[in-house]
């Protein structure tokens, strides 16, 4: 006999609720394999600063230090990568791993990538929430906008659906 399984449910929890404050003029965009993205106003001849928000699911017990090591390894492997210092950060009461790297992109030239990750523990899963901001490092206003957006992040487990 088969049984109907429903998403979301206690066995298959919904993704966390993610709230951020986008800088003035930034727009939303749907992108593949992500919850979505926020883009700075485009300027001709200039890389468009952006923040991509993604969620990935892991088994219960997955910890922040696990994803932190993965993020650092990925950033370190970027072309001509220079990793800037990091330390644990608390944003809106939640522990995050935040890391910035400067690297050379083959088409865009010198870029800064700012990655912030946190783990949302649920009964049946651990969800990784990742905010990845990219911009040209010479654009101070773009960097400040990305820092501000990440600092506004509020992430909470989704409520269980009514039974």
Protein backbone atom coordinates (compact mmCIF):
# COMPACT_ATOMS: atom_id res chain seq x y z
CA UNK A 1 0.00 0.00 0.00
CA UNK A 2 1.33 3.44 -0.86
CA UNK A 3 1.19 6.49 1.36
CA UNK A 4 1.02 10.08 0.27
CA UNK A 5 3.97 12.23 1.31
CA UNK A 6 3.69 16.01 1.34
CA UNK A 7 6.23 18.79 1.05
CA UNK A 8 6.38 20.74 3.26
CA UNK A 9 5.75 18.56 6.29
CA UNK A 10 7.61 17.53 9.43
CA UNK A 11 9.37 14.82 7.41
CA UNK A 12 10.11 17.22 4.53
CA UNK A 13 10.41 20.71 6.05
CA UNK A 14 10.02 23.85 3.98
CA UNK A 15 13.10 25.94 3.37
CA UNK A 16 13.86 28.65 5.92
CA UNK A 17 12.32 32.08 5.69
CA UNK A 18 14.96 34.58 4.55
CA UNK A 19 14.49 38.32 4.86
CA UNK A 20 17.00 40.96 3.70
CA UNK A 21 16.89 44.70 3.18
CA UNK A 22 17.91 45.47 -0.39
CA UNK A 23 19.70 48.75 -1.04
CA UNK A 24 17.74 51.49 -2.84
CA UNK A 25 17.56 50.87 -6.56
CA UNK A 26 18.46 47.18 -6.40
CA UNK A 27 16.09 44.84 -8.23
CA UNK A 28 15.03 41.23 -7.77
CA UNK A 29 15.77 38.54 -10.29
CA UNK A 30 15.01 34.83 -10.47
CA UNK A 31 18.16 32.82 -11.19
CA UNK A 32 18.60 29.07 -11.71
CA UNK A 33 19.59 26.97 -8.68
CA UNK A 34 18.99 29.81 -6.22
CA UNK A 35 16.18 31.29 -4.19
CA UNK A 36 16.81 34.50 -6.09
CA UNK A 37 19.19 37.37 -6.62
CA UNK A 38 19.32 41.09 -6.01
CA UNK A 39 21.11 43.31 -8.53
CA UNK A 40 22.50 46.82 -8.28
CA UNK A 41 21.46 49.31 -10.94
CA UNK A 42 23.31 48.45 -14.14
CA UNK A 43 25.85 50.88 -15.54
CA UNK A 44 27.27 50.48 -19.03
CA UNK A 45 30.81 49.14 -19.07
CA UNK A 46 30.72 48.16 -15.42
CA UNK A 47 30.19 44.83 -13.67
CA UNK A 48 26.75 44.75 -12.03
CA UNK A 49 27.05 44.14 -8.31
CA UNK A 50 24.76 41.41 -7.05
CA UNK A 51 23.84 39.14 -4.17
CA UNK A 52 22.64 35.61 -4.89
CA UNK A 53 20.65 33.85 -2.17
CA UNK A 54 20.64 30.07 -2.13
CA UNK A 55 19.52 27.24 0.12
CA UNK A 56 20.83 23.69 0.08
CA UNK A 57 19.75 20.79 2.21
CA UNK A 58 21.99 18.52 4.29
CA UNK A 59 21.34 15.72 6.73
CA UNK A 60 20.65 16.56 10.38
CA UNK A 61 23.85 17.15 12.31
CA UNK A 62 25.57 19.18 9.59
CA UNK A 63 27.32 22.08 11.29
CA UNK A 64 28.45 25.60 10.45
CA UNK A 65 32.12 24.60 10.58
CA UNK A 66 31.44 21.99 7.86
CA UNK A 67 30.09 24.53 5.38
CA UNK A 68 32.67 27.12 6.48
CA UNK A 69 35.51 24.80 5.45
CA UNK A 70 33.79 24.18 2.11
CA UNK A 71 33.32 27.92 1.45
CA UNK A 72 36.95 28.71 2.32
CA UNK A 73 38.19 25.91 0.07
CA UNK A 74 36.04 27.12 -2.85
CA UNK A 75 37.14 30.75 -2.47
CA UNK A 76 40.80 29.76 -2.13
CA UNK A 77 40.58 27.90 -5.46
CA UNK A 78 39.44 30.99 -7.41
CA UNK A 79 42.01 32.36 -9.91
CA UNK A 80 44.63 34.53 -8.14
CA UNK A 81 42.53 34.37 -4.97
CA UNK A 82 43.40 36.48 -1.96
CA UNK A 83 41.28 35.54 1.05
CA UNK A 84 40.65 38.31 3.53
CA UNK A 85 40.41 37.58 7.25
CA UNK A 86 37.32 36.06 8.79
CA UNK A 87 35.81 35.41 12.16
CA UNK A 88 32.48 34.08 13.38
CA UNK A 89 29.76 36.69 13.02
CA UNK A 90 26.36 36.92 14.68
CA UNK A 91 23.68 38.51 12.51
CA UNK A 92 20.19 38.94 14.00
CA UNK A 93 20.95 36.34 16.67
CA UNK A 94 22.22 33.67 14.24
CA UNK A 95 25.82 32.44 13.82
CA UNK A 96 27.29 32.99 10.34
CA UNK A 97 30.60 32.27 8.62
CA UNK A 98 31.54 35.28 6.51
CA UNK A 99 34.48 35.37 4.10
CA UNK A 100 35.63 37.78 1.44
CA UNK A 101 37.96 36.99 -1.43
CA UNK A 102 39.48 39.06 -4.17
CA UNK A 103 40.20 37.23 -7.41
CA UNK A 104 40.59 37.55 -11.19
CA UNK A 105 37.56 36.64 -13.28
CA UNK A 106 38.42 35.79 -16.92
CA UNK A 107 35.69 38.06 -18.38
CA UNK A 108 35.00 40.60 -15.62
CA UNK A 109 38.53 41.26 -14.36
CA UNK A 110 39.20 41.90 -10.69
CA UNK A 111 36.24 40.96 -8.48
CA UNK A 112 35.42 40.81 -4.79
CA UNK A 113 33.24 37.94 -3.65
CA UNK A 114 31.64 38.17 -0.23
CA UNK A 115 30.11 34.92 1.02
CA UNK A 116 28.03 34.47 4.18
CA UNK A 117 26.64 31.10 5.26
CA UNK A 118 24.55 29.88 8.16
CA UNK A 119 22.93 26.58 9.08
CA UNK A 120 19.26 26.28 10.02
CA UNK A 121 18.69 23.10 12.00
CA UNK A 122 15.31 21.45 11.61
CA UNK A 123 14.05 18.10 12.89
CA UNK A 124 14.61 16.23 9.64
CA UNK A 125 17.26 18.37 7.92
CA UNK A 126 19.95 21.00 8.14
CA UNK A 127 19.54 23.81 5.62
CA UNK A 128 22.49 25.88 4.44
CA UNK A 129 21.54 29.48 3.66
CA UNK A 130 24.17 31.23 1.55
CA UNK A 131 24.37 34.87 0.49
CA UNK A 132 27.04 35.50 -2.13
CA UNK A 133 27.76 39.07 -3.14
CA UNK A 134 30.00 40.01 -6.05
CA UNK A 135 31.28 43.35 -7.27
CA UNK A 136 34.37 45.10 -8.53
CA UNK A 137 36.56 45.77 -5.48
CA UNK A 138 37.19 49.35 -6.63
CA UNK A 139 33.47 50.15 -6.24
CA UNK A 140 33.26 51.09 -2.55
CA UNK A 141 29.54 51.89 -2.70
CA UNK A 142 28.80 48.41 -4.10
CA UNK A 143 30.88 46.76 -1.36
CA UNK A 144 29.09 48.80 1.32
CA UNK A 145 25.71 47.86 -0.19
CA UNK A 146 26.60 44.15 -0.13
CA UNK A 147 27.85 44.38 3.48
CA UNK A 148 24.65 46.18 4.49
CA UNK A 149 22.40 43.66 2.74
CA UNK A 150 24.16 40.72 4.42
CA UNK A 151 24.07 42.48 7.81
CA UNK A 152 20.29 42.78 7.46
CA UNK A 153 19.76 39.04 6.91
CA UNK A 154 17.14 37.49 9.14
CA UNK A 155 16.79 33.72 8.73
CA UNK A 156 14.27 31.56 10.59
CA UNK A 157 12.98 28.02 10.16
CA UNK A 158 9.72 27.88 8.24
CA UNK A 159 6.74 27.01 10.42
CA UNK A 160 5.35 23.52 10.14
CA UNK A 161 2.20 23.36 8.03
CA UNK A 162 -1.11 22.88 9.81
CA UNK A 163 -2.02 19.23 10.05
